[in-house]
Amino acid sequence: ETLQRIVSTLANKTDEIHNFIDMLKHTITNVQVNSSNAISELAEEFDGLYSILDEMKGSMANTIQQEEARKIQALQDQLSQCSNALESSEELLELATQSLDIKDPVEFLKVETTEWMCIRQIVTIASAFHISLKPKVSDSMTHLMVDFTQERRMLHAVKFLPVPKAPEIDLAACLVADNCITVSWRMPEEDSRIDHFVLEYRKTNFDGLPRVKHEEPWELIDYIKTTGYTLSGLIFDTKYMNLRVQACNKAVAGEYSDPVTLETKAFVFRLDSTSSHLNLRVEDAYVEWDAAGGKGQEKLKGKENRSRSGPSPKRTPVNAKSSTKTTGTRDRFTGESYTVLGDTTIESGQHYWEVRAQKDCKSYSIGVAYESLGKFDQLGKTKSSWCIHVNNWLQTTFSAKHNNKTKTLDKPVPDRLGIYCDFDGGQLAFCNANSKKRLHTFRTKFTQPLLPAFMIWCGGLTVSTGLQVPSAVLTLQKSENGLSGSTSSLNSIA
């Protein structure tokens, strides 16, 4: 036996070595492929850099050429003006010289005074007297010179991007409230090259570090630009949630942070189909009135009773067993107690769940009850149940019921009701699930475990569990507890 164990262990070790060798070969192949990919990406980056430099070179050369054309045009315009002025001056000089060449005084005096004045005026306003003999532009192009000293230093400093360090989750700054989780983290040191963060989370029932086995896969939130994120709209159907964060730059992702585990415990229950009335069609989170349910079950029970005298040749034993189980457990409520209970008891703590009724729902009650609720009892008509009742037959009535006492609630019926139960504090509160405004509060002392309870006639109800107690509801209850006196005529000691 010892030798057999040694041989078995050696065989297992041999298999492990074979698997490890295959993994090493696969890793070598991956290194070669990834290296080739890295070289290709490097070439693309440098080609992109070359392209940018070529584009910048062409743009800057075009600017120099435009400046050259502008200066040459300005100098040519000035040259043209000087040439015209020179030509005009030469003509005036020739005319004046001809006049001065008259030696005969008699001939000189024959020139009319007006002609002399005209000549004098022309000579005085000649363009040659007003033209500037300074070039409008210089021949210097130094203002378009470049200095790439700094850029050269930057290019020489180009290196491979460093792998970002793992972020650190600030557990003290993380918050779990109102079906949301706010996660906050920081980098161990400043890193200006971080482009974004990746947050991963998964639900678990284990406290502490994540377990490899029996765990849900990680869910990912990508491209987070800040050092914090809020996960909203969660259903807390597990006790905890694992979270971890990863920093990424333009090229590579760093290591994940050390995972943290946040407590997300909430009240989770399902509708117990085995406890329901025969006229109710029940799923985990939905109950619907079924007028034919009772008749169908009675037919099934009749067939079952007849089969007890001998097995039917057309029915297998498995089906017979299944039918017996169904009819044997669906008699928890009967008569007009169209009731179904939750499958999880409340024995301590604070809990919250919500219910939405179908628009065509005619009559329903929502509340809690002791496990001892009788099979013929209707919610709110006994000492062992508390509820809100809605009746939509001829006109809508909205009321709170307990121990066969009713209090009419002069408030509109919301499309979604929130139920808050503080077992230890002896409070059962109903609120508008959208606005969180209070509708009614029962104050009592619960002496037995409670079960969520639902009664419906014509229509359907959808139940939402795994919800935390909203902060607004807790704040409202604290403010109510600070008030003296009773807030409800139905408050009682159970």
Protein backbone atom coordinates (compact mmCIF):
# COMPACT_ATOMS: atom_id res chain seq x y z
CA GLU A 1 0.00 0.00 0.00
CA THR A 2 2.85 2.36 0.81
CA LEU A 3 4.54 1.60 -2.49
CA GLN A 4 1.23 2.09 -4.28
CA ARG A 5 0.85 5.55 -2.69
CA ILE A 6 4.43 6.45 -3.65
CA VAL A 7 3.88 5.29 -7.23
CA SER A 8 0.60 7.20 -7.42
CA THR A 9 2.23 10.34 -6.06
CA LEU A 10 5.13 9.99 -8.50
CA ALA A 11 2.73 9.50 -11.40
CA ASN A 12 0.82 12.62 -10.40
CA LYS A 13 4.07 14.54 -10.10
CA THR A 14 5.12 13.29 -13.53
CA ASP A 15 1.86 14.54 -15.00
CA GLU A 16 2.41 17.88 -13.32
CA ILE A 17 5.92 18.12 -14.80
CA HIS A 18 4.57 17.26 -18.27
CA ASN A 19 1.93 19.94 -17.91
CA PHE A 20 4.53 22.41 -16.68
CA ILE A 21 6.80 21.64 -19.66
CA ASP A 22 3.88 22.22 -22.03
CA MET A 23 3.14 25.47 -20.27
CA LEU A 24 6.79 26.58 -20.58
CA LYS A 25 6.80 25.79 -24.30
CA HIS A 26 3.56 27.67 -24.72
CA THR A 27 5.04 30.59 -22.77
CA ILE A 28 8.14 30.64 -25.02
CA THR A 29 5.89 30.78 -28.08
CA ASN A 30 3.90 33.59 -26.51
CA VAL A 31 7.09 35.51 -25.71
CA GLN A 32 8.16 35.30 -29.35
CA VAL A 33 4.75 36.35 -30.64
CA ASN A 34 4.40 39.17 -28.12
CA SER A 35 7.95 40.36 -28.86
CA SER A 36 7.18 40.50 -32.59
CA ASN A 37 3.99 42.39 -31.84
CA ALA A 38 5.89 44.82 -29.61
CA ILE A 39 8.43 45.49 -32.38
CA SER A 40 5.63 46.11 -34.87
CA GLU A 41 3.92 48.49 -32.46
CA LEU A 42 7.26 50.25 -31.85
CA ALA A 43 7.76 50.69 -35.61
CA GLU A 44 4.25 52.10 -35.91
CA GLU A 45 4.91 54.59 -33.11
CA PHE A 46 8.16 55.78 -34.73
CA ASP A 47 6.50 55.95 -38.16
CA GLY A 48 3.83 58.10 -36.58
CA LEU A 49 6.52 60.31 -35.06
CA TYR A 50 8.30 60.59 -38.43
CA SER A 51 5.02 61.48 -40.05
CA ILE A 52 4.40 64.24 -37.51
CA LEU A 53 7.93 65.62 -38.03
CA ASP A 54 7.52 65.57 -41.83
CA GLU A 55 4.18 67.32 -41.53
CA MET A 56 5.64 69.95 -39.20
CA LYS A 57 8.64 70.43 -41.51
CA GLY A 58 6.38 71.02 -44.52
CA SER A 59 4.19 73.44 -42.56
CA MET A 60 7.13 75.46 -41.26
CA ALA A 61 8.84 75.53 -44.68
CA ASN A 62 5.57 76.81 -46.15
CA THR A 63 5.55 79.60 -43.54
CA ILE A 64 9.10 80.63 -44.56
CA GLN A 65 8.12 80.65 -48.24
CA GLN A 66 5.08 82.80 -47.50
CA GLU A 67 7.25 85.24 -45.57
CA GLU A 68 9.74 85.32 -48.43
CA ALA A 69 6.98 86.08 -50.95
CA ARG A 70 5.54 88.81 -48.72
CA LYS A 71 8.90 90.58 -48.34
CA ILE A 72 9.81 90.29 -52.01
CA GLN A 73 6.42 91.72 -52.99
CA ALA A 74 6.86 94.66 -50.60
CA LEU A 75 10.36 95.40 -51.94
CA GLN A 76 9.21 95.10 -55.54
CA ASP A 77 6.35 97.55 -54.88
CA GLN A 78 8.85 99.98 -53.34
CA LEU A 79 11.21 99.48 -56.28
CA SER A 80 8.42 100.26 -58.73
CA GLN A 81 7.55 103.46 -56.84
CA CYS A 82 11.19 104.59 -56.90
CA SER A 83 11.50 103.91 -60.64
CA ASN A 84 8.36 105.94 -61.39
CA ALA A 85 9.57 108.81 -59.19
CA LEU A 86 12.96 108.77 -60.87
CA GLU A 87 11.43 108.91 -64.33
CA SER A 88 9.19 111.83 -63.35
CA SER A 89 12.10 113.71 -61.80
CA GLU A 90 14.19 113.35 -64.92
CA GLU A 91 11.42 114.85 -67.10
CA LEU A 92 11.01 117.82 -64.74
CA LEU A 93 14.72 118.38 -64.67
CA GLU A 94 14.86 118.42 -68.46
CA LEU A 95 12.01 121.00 -68.66
CA ALA A 96 13.59 123.23 -66.01
CA THR A 97 16.98 122.98 -67.69
CA GLN A 98 15.54 124.02 -71.03
CA SER A 99 13.97 127.08 -69.40
CA LEU A 100 17.23 128.00 -67.72
CA ASP A 101 19.13 127.67 -70.98
CA ILE A 102 17.39 130.78 -72.44
CA LYS A 103 20.22 133.35 -72.50
CA ASP A 104 18.40 136.14 -74.21
CA PRO A 105 16.71 138.30 -71.62
CA VAL A 106 14.03 139.32 -74.06
CA GLU A 107 13.21 135.70 -74.82
CA PHE A 108 13.35 134.80 -71.14
CA LEU A 109 10.84 137.53 -70.32
CA LYS A 110 8.54 136.30 -73.02
CA VAL A 111 7.79 133.24 -70.88
CA GLU A 112 4.54 134.01 -69.18
CA THR A 113 4.39 134.29 -65.48
CA THR A 114 1.78 131.54 -65.24
CA GLU A 115 4.06 129.07 -67.02
CA TRP A 116 6.83 129.79 -64.58
CA MET A 117 4.54 129.28 -61.65
CA CYS A 118 3.38 125.95 -63.12
CA ILE A 119 6.94 124.75 -63.63
CA ARG A 120 7.88 125.82 -60.13
CA GLN A 121 4.87 124.02 -58.63
CA ILE A 122 5.58 120.80 -60.58
CA VAL A 123 9.18 120.77 -59.47
CA THR A 124 8.15 121.46 -55.85
CA ILE A 125 5.65 118.57 -55.60
CA ALA A 126 7.73 116.07 -57.50
CA SER A 127 7.38 112.52 -56.04
CA ALA A 128 11.12 112.34 -55.62
CA PHE A 129 10.82 114.75 -52.70
CA HIS A 130 8.35 112.44 -50.83
CA ILE A 131 9.58 108.97 -51.54
CA SER A 132 11.25 107.06 -48.68
CA LEU A 133 14.73 105.84 -49.38
CA LYS A 134 14.52 103.14 -46.64
CA PRO A 135 13.46 99.54 -47.47
CA LYS A 136 10.02 98.70 -46.06
CA VAL A 137 11.19 95.24 -44.99
CA SER A 138 14.51 93.79 -44.00
CA ASP A 139 16.23 90.89 -45.60
CA SER A 140 16.55 89.10 -42.24
CA MET A 141 14.73 85.76 -41.74
CA THR A 142 16.01 85.06 -38.23
CA HIS A 143 12.50 85.32 -36.77
CA LEU A 144 11.67 82.04 -38.50
CA MET A 145 14.60 80.10 -37.11
CA VAL A 146 13.99 77.07 -34.80
CA ASP A 147 15.82 75.62 -31.85
CA PHE A 148 15.22 71.90 -31.27
CA THR A 149 17.53 71.64 -28.25
CA GLN A 150 14.69 70.84 -25.86
CA GLU A 151 13.00 68.50 -28.30
CA ARG A 152 16.29 66.65 -28.85
CA ARG A 153 16.61 66.16 -25.11
CA MET A 154 13.04 64.85 -25.02
CA LEU A 155 13.70 62.45 -27.89
CA HIS A 156 16.85 61.19 -26.23
CA ALA A 157 14.77 60.62 -23.09
CA VAL A 158 12.22 58.43 -24.89
CA LYS A 159 12.01 55.07 -23.14
CA PHE A 160 9.58 52.22 -22.77
CA LEU A 161 6.52 53.14 -20.71
CA PRO A 162 6.88 51.90 -17.12
CA VAL A 163 4.27 49.46 -15.84
CA PRO A 164 1.93 51.34 -13.48
CA LYS A 165 2.10 50.38 -9.85
CA ALA A 166 -0.86 48.78 -8.15
CA PRO A 167 -3.36 51.27 -6.69
CA GLU A 168 -4.23 51.21 -3.01
CA ILE A 169 -7.92 51.02 -2.10
CA ASP A 170 -8.79 53.42 0.74
CA LEU A 171 -11.01 51.17 2.81
CA ALA A 172 -11.95 53.99 5.20
CA ALA A 173 -13.31 56.05 2.29
CA CYS A 174 -15.37 53.18 0.82
CA LEU A 175 -19.09 53.35 1.51
CA VAL A 176 -21.91 50.81 1.27
CA ALA A 177 -25.35 52.43 1.43
CA ASP A 178 -28.65 52.66 -0.47
CA ASN A 179 -27.89 49.65 -2.69
CA CYS A 180 -24.71 51.37 -3.88
CA ILE A 181 -21.01 50.83 -3.25
CA THR A 182 -18.62 53.77 -3.49
CA VAL A 183 -14.99 52.70 -3.92
CA SER A 184 -12.07 55.11 -3.47
CA TRP A 185 -8.38 54.49 -4.17
CA ARG A 186 -5.05 56.26 -4.59
CA MET A 187 -1.72 55.63 -6.30
CA PRO A 188 1.27 54.86 -4.07
CA GLU A 189 3.15 57.66 -5.87
CA GLU A 190 2.28 60.33 -8.43
CA ASP A 191 2.18 59.00 -11.99
CA SER A 192 1.26 61.51 -14.70
CA ARG A 193 1.14 58.82 -17.37
CA ILE A 194 -1.90 57.04 -15.92
CA ASP A 195 -4.65 57.17 -18.54
CA HIS A 196 -7.51 55.35 -16.75
CA PHE A 197 -8.41 52.76 -14.14
CA VAL A 198 -10.21 49.43 -14.27
CA LEU A 199 -12.49 48.33 -11.41
CA GLU A 200 -13.48 44.69 -10.97
CA TYR A 201 -15.99 43.31 -8.48
CA ARG A 202 -17.77 40.06 -7.69
CA LYS A 203 -20.26 38.83 -5.11
CA THR A 204 -19.30 36.31 -2.46
CA ASN A 205 -20.48 34.81 0.79
CA PHE A 206 -16.93 34.55 2.17
CA ASP A 207 -15.39 37.20 4.38
CA GLY A 208 -11.76 38.23 3.84
CA LEU A 209 -9.65 37.60 0.75
CA PRO A 210 -11.23 36.12 -2.39
CA ARG A 211 -11.41 32.35 -2.71
CA VAL A 212 -10.34 30.71 -5.93
CA LYS A 213 -12.99 28.01 -5.79
CA HIS A 214 -16.75 28.51 -5.67
CA GLU A 215 -16.55 32.16 -6.68
CA GLU A 216 -18.47 34.22 -9.17
CA PRO A 217 -16.46 35.60 -12.13
CA TRP A 218 -15.17 39.17 -11.90
CA GLU A 219 -17.35 41.87 -13.45
CA LEU A 220 -15.46 44.77 -15.02
CA ILE A 221 -15.91 48.56 -15.18
CA ASP A 222 -13.39 50.04 -17.64
CA TYR A 223 -12.06 53.51 -18.53
CA ILE A 224 -12.59 55.18 -15.15
CA LYS A 225 -10.86 58.56 -15.29
CA THR A 226 -11.01 59.38 -11.57
CA THR A 227 -9.75 57.69 -8.41
CA GLY A 228 -13.24 56.70 -7.29
CA TYR A 229 -16.37 55.04 -8.61
CA THR A 230 -19.91 54.30 -7.41
CA LEU A 231 -21.61 51.01 -8.29
CA SER A 232 -25.34 51.69 -8.17
CA GLY A 233 -28.54 49.70 -8.54
CA LEU A 234 -27.10 46.60 -6.91
CA ILE A 235 -29.03 43.66 -5.50
CA PHE A 236 -27.26 42.42 -2.39
CA ASP A 237 -28.14 38.75 -2.59
CA THR A 238 -24.79 37.80 -1.03
CA LYS A 239 -23.16 38.87 2.22
CA TYR A 240 -20.00 40.42 0.77
CA MET A 241 -18.42 41.83 -2.36
CA ASN A 242 -14.78 41.61 -3.46
CA LEU A 243 -13.28 44.65 -5.22
CA ARG A 244 -9.93 45.37 -6.86
CA VAL A 245 -8.52 48.17 -9.04
CA GLN A 246 -5.95 48.28 -11.84
CA ALA A 247 -4.13 51.34 -13.25
CA CYS A 248 -3.48 51.61 -17.01
CA ASN A 249 -1.41 53.95 -19.17
CA LYS A 250 -1.57 54.23 -22.96
CA ALA A 251 0.36 51.02 -23.47
CA VAL A 252 0.12 48.66 -20.54
CA ALA A 253 -1.98 47.76 -17.49
CA GLY A 254 -0.39 47.40 -14.07
CA GLU A 255 -0.97 44.90 -11.32
CA TYR A 256 -4.28 44.76 -9.48
CA SER A 257 -4.56 46.29 -6.06
CA ASP A 258 -4.91 44.05 -3.05
CA PRO A 259 -8.58 43.04 -3.12
CA VAL A 260 -10.85 44.29 -0.37
CA THR A 261 -14.07 42.73 0.89
CA LEU A 262 -17.02 44.94 1.81
CA GLU A 263 -20.03 43.69 3.72
CA THR A 264 -23.21 43.94 1.65
CA LYS A 265 -25.58 41.91 3.79
CA ALA A 266 -29.28 42.48 3.11
CA PHE A 267 -32.56 40.65 3.63
CA VAL A 268 -33.08 38.11 0.84
CA PHE A 269 -36.08 35.87 0.57
CA ARG A 270 -38.22 34.15 -2.00
CA LEU A 271 -41.92 33.50 -2.10
CA ASP A 272 -42.59 30.06 -0.68
CA SER A 273 -44.82 28.30 -3.19
CA THR A 274 -45.36 25.45 -0.73
CA SER A 275 -47.08 27.88 1.64
CA SER A 276 -49.42 29.47 -0.87
CA HIS A 277 -53.14 29.21 -1.48
CA LEU A 278 -54.17 26.91 -4.33
CA ASN A 279 -55.50 29.87 -6.31
CA LEU A 280 -52.09 31.55 -6.45
CA ARG A 281 -49.44 30.98 -9.11
CA VAL A 282 -46.12 31.57 -7.35
CA GLU A 283 -42.57 32.12 -8.59
CA ASP A 284 -39.50 33.20 -6.61
CA ALA A 285 -40.34 36.93 -6.76
CA TYR A 286 -43.81 37.00 -8.32
CA VAL A 287 -47.30 35.91 -7.23
CA GLU A 288 -50.41 36.03 -9.39
CA TRP A 289 -54.06 35.28 -8.81
CA ASP A 290 -55.21 32.18 -10.72
CA ALA A 291 -58.97 31.64 -10.61
CA ALA A 292 -58.62 28.12 -12.03
CA GLY A 293 -55.80 27.12 -9.71
CA GLY A 294 -57.99 25.57 -7.04
CA LYS A 295 -60.14 23.66 -9.50
CA GLY A 296 -57.08 22.35 -11.28
CA GLN A 297 -55.56 21.18 -8.03
CA GLU A 298 -58.83 19.48 -6.98
CA LYS A 299 -58.89 17.56 -10.24
CA LEU A 300 -55.29 16.57 -9.66
CA LYS A 301 -56.09 15.47 -6.11
CA GLY A 302 -59.02 13.37 -7.40
CA LYS A 303 -56.79 11.62 -9.88
CA GLU A 304 -54.25 11.02 -7.14
CA ASN A 305 -56.88 9.49 -4.83
CA ARG A 306 -58.04 7.16 -7.57
CA SER A 307 -54.47 6.11 -8.27
CA ARG A 308 -54.01 4.92 -4.70
CA SER A 309 -56.07 1.78 -5.43
CA GLY A 310 -53.47 0.77 -7.96
CA PRO A 311 -50.84 2.38 -10.14
CA SER A 312 -52.03 3.66 -13.50
CA PRO A 313 -50.38 1.95 -16.45
CA LYS A 314 -50.06 5.36 -18.15
CA ARG A 315 -48.37 7.11 -15.19
CA THR A 316 -44.81 6.51 -14.05
CA PRO A 317 -44.02 6.28 -10.32
CA VAL A 318 -41.92 9.44 -10.58
CA ASN A 319 -44.88 11.50 -11.78
CA ALA A 320 -47.10 10.03 -9.10
CA LYS A 321 -44.59 10.98 -6.43
CA SER A 322 -44.33 14.50 -7.83
CA SER A 323 -48.12 14.94 -7.76
CA THR A 324 -48.32 13.68 -4.19
CA LYS A 325 -45.69 16.14 -3.07
CA THR A 326 -47.43 19.07 -4.74
CA THR A 327 -50.91 18.39 -3.32
CA GLY A 328 -49.49 17.49 0.06
CA THR A 329 -47.81 20.87 0.59
CA ARG A 330 -50.24 23.27 -1.09
CA ASP A 331 -52.77 23.33 1.73
CA ARG A 332 -51.09 25.92 3.99
CA PHE A 333 -53.86 28.49 3.25
CA THR A 334 -57.39 27.89 2.07
CA GLY A 335 -60.83 29.50 1.92
CA GLU A 336 -60.56 33.26 1.27
CA SER A 337 -57.06 33.52 2.70
CA TYR A 338 -55.34 33.96 -0.68
CA THR A 339 -51.97 34.19 1.00
CA VAL A 340 -48.34 33.31 0.30
CA LEU A 341 -45.43 33.75 2.74
CA GLY A 342 -41.75 34.39 2.32
CA ASP A 343 -39.34 31.52 2.86
CA THR A 344 -37.02 33.35 5.32
CA THR A 345 -37.90 34.36 8.88
CA ILE A 346 -37.06 37.66 10.55
CA GLU A 347 -35.83 37.14 14.09
CA SER A 348 -33.69 40.25 14.64
CA GLY A 349 -32.22 43.29 12.92
CA GLN A 350 -33.53 45.82 10.42
CA HIS A 351 -34.75 44.75 6.97
CA TYR A 352 -36.30 46.28 3.87
CA TRP A 353 -38.02 45.02 0.74
CA GLU A 354 -40.26 46.47 -1.97
CA VAL A 355 -43.42 45.39 -3.77
CA ARG A 356 -44.93 46.52 -7.06
CA ALA A 357 -48.54 45.68 -7.95
CA GLN A 358 -49.85 45.19 -11.48
CA LYS A 359 -52.04 48.04 -12.73
CA ASP A 360 -55.08 45.76 -13.00
CA CYS A 361 -54.62 44.35 -9.50
CA LYS A 362 -58.02 44.55 -7.74
CA SER A 363 -57.22 43.72 -4.13
CA TYR A 364 -54.02 42.96 -2.25
CA SER A 365 -52.41 43.12 1.19
CA ILE A 366 -48.71 43.44 2.01
CA GLY A 367 -47.13 42.99 5.43
CA VAL A 368 -45.71 40.48 7.90
CA ALA A 369 -47.14 37.64 9.95
CA TYR A 370 -46.12 35.13 12.58
CA GLU A 371 -45.51 31.60 11.38
CA SER A 372 -48.57 30.60 13.41
CA LEU A 373 -50.95 32.45 11.06
CA GLY A 374 -53.99 30.21 10.58
CA LYS A 375 -54.83 28.65 7.23
CA PHE A 376 -58.16 30.53 7.08
CA ASP A 377 -56.77 33.82 8.49
CA GLN A 378 -56.62 36.91 6.32
CA LEU A 379 -53.80 39.41 6.78
CA GLY A 380 -54.57 42.18 9.22
CA LYS A 381 -57.60 40.44 10.72
CA THR A 382 -55.69 38.64 13.46
CA LYS A 383 -53.23 39.56 16.22
CA SER A 384 -50.53 37.67 14.36
CA SER A 385 -50.39 39.83 11.20
CA TRP A 386 -49.87 43.47 10.19
CA CYS A 387 -50.44 44.82 6.69
CA ILE A 388 -51.29 47.58 4.26
CA HIS A 389 -54.41 46.80 2.22
CA VAL A 390 -55.36 48.21 -1.20
CA ASN A 391 -58.81 47.69 -2.74
CA ASN A 392 -59.38 48.80 -6.34
CA TRP A 393 -62.85 47.44 -7.05
CA LEU A 394 -65.43 50.25 -7.33
CA GLN A 395 -63.21 52.92 -5.84
CA THR A 396 -59.70 52.80 -4.44
CA THR A 397 -59.39 52.39 -0.68
CA PHE A 398 -56.05 52.44 1.12
CA SER A 399 -55.79 51.29 4.72
CA ALA A 400 -53.63 49.80 7.47
CA LYS A 401 -54.89 46.66 9.20
CA HIS A 402 -54.04 44.74 12.37
CA ASN A 403 -56.11 42.60 14.78
CA ASN A 404 -59.26 43.18 12.67
CA LYS A 405 -58.92 46.96 13.09
CA THR A 406 -58.63 49.26 10.11
CA LYS A 407 -57.21 52.75 9.72
CA THR A 408 -57.94 54.53 6.43
CA LEU A 409 -54.89 56.20 4.91
CA ASP A 410 -55.77 59.46 3.20
CA LYS A 411 -52.86 59.24 0.79
CA PRO A 412 -52.44 58.21 -2.86
CA VAL A 413 -51.39 54.62 -3.44
CA PRO A 414 -47.83 54.57 -4.83
CA ASP A 415 -46.92 52.27 -7.70
CA ARG A 416 -44.16 50.79 -5.53
CA LEU A 417 -44.37 50.15 -1.77
CA GLY A 418 -41.40 49.88 0.58
CA ILE A 419 -41.61 47.77 3.74
CA TYR A 420 -39.21 48.42 6.63
CA CYS A 421 -39.13 46.04 9.58
CA ASP A 422 -37.12 46.76 12.72
CA PHE A 423 -37.67 43.56 14.70
CA ASP A 424 -35.73 44.56 17.79
CA GLY A 425 -37.14 48.10 17.80
CA GLY A 426 -40.69 46.84 17.32
CA GLN A 427 -41.49 48.82 14.19
CA LEU A 428 -43.09 47.94 10.88
CA ALA A 429 -43.18 50.92 8.51
CA PHE A 430 -44.60 51.30 5.01
CA CYS A 431 -43.37 54.02 2.66
CA ASN A 432 -43.52 55.25 -0.91
CA ALA A 433 -40.57 53.39 -2.40
CA ASN A 434 -39.89 56.22 -4.86
CA SER A 435 -40.02 59.23 -2.54
CA LYS A 436 -39.34 57.30 0.71
CA LYS A 437 -42.15 59.24 2.38
CA ARG A 438 -43.85 57.39 5.26
CA LEU A 439 -47.35 56.01 4.73
CA HIS A 440 -47.92 54.24 8.04
CA THR A 441 -45.97 52.82 10.97
CA PHE A 442 -46.96 50.00 13.33
CA ARG A 443 -45.28 50.07 16.73
CA THR A 444 -45.38 46.87 18.73
CA LYS A 445 -43.24 44.22 20.39
CA PHE A 446 -42.68 41.19 18.22
CA THR A 447 -42.61 38.00 20.27
CA GLN A 448 -42.25 35.42 17.49
CA PRO A 449 -40.26 35.18 14.24
CA LEU A 450 -41.88 37.07 11.36
CA LEU A 451 -42.39 36.13 7.74
CA PRO A 452 -43.09 38.52 4.85
CA ALA A 453 -46.73 37.95 3.90
CA PHE A 454 -48.76 38.73 0.77
CA MET A 455 -52.44 38.30 0.00
CA ILE A 456 -53.84 38.97 -3.48
CA TRP A 457 -57.10 38.67 -5.35
CA CYS A 458 -57.21 39.34 -9.11
CA GLY A 459 -53.84 40.59 -10.31
CA GLY A 460 -50.16 40.08 -9.51
CA LEU A 461 -47.38 41.33 -7.23
CA THR A 462 -43.63 41.56 -7.89
CA VAL A 463 -41.31 41.46 -4.89
CA SER A 464 -37.81 42.99 -4.79
CA THR A 465 -35.45 41.70 -2.10
CA GLY A 466 -31.73 41.94 -1.46
CA LEU A 467 -32.17 45.67 -0.77
CA GLN A 468 -30.52 47.63 1.98
CA VAL A 469 -32.53 49.86 4.26
CA PRO A 470 -32.51 53.27 2.51
CA SER A 471 -30.80 56.06 4.42
CA ALA A 472 -33.89 58.23 4.03
CA VAL A 473 -36.03 55.59 5.74
CA LEU A 474 -33.58 55.24 8.63
CA THR A 475 -33.42 59.01 9.06
CA LEU A 476 -37.21 59.26 9.01
CA GLN A 477 -37.61 56.51 11.60
CA LYS A 478 -35.06 58.15 13.89
CA SER A 479 -36.92 61.46 13.68
CA GLU A 480 -40.21 59.68 14.41
CA ASN A 481 -38.71 57.88 17.38
CA GLY A 482 -37.77 61.24 18.83
CA LEU A 483 -41.41 62.36 18.82
CA SER A 484 -43.52 61.74 21.90
CA GLY A 485 -46.88 60.03 21.72
CA SER A 486 -48.35 57.55 19.30
CA THR A 487 -48.33 58.04 15.56
CA SER A 488 -50.86 55.32 14.77
CA SER A 489 -54.17 54.22 16.16
CA LEU A 490 -53.28 50.59 15.34
CA ASN A 491 -50.13 50.40 17.49
CA SER A 492 -50.34 47.48 19.85
CA ILE A 493 -48.36 45.12 21.99
CA ALA A 494 -48.27 41.72 20.34
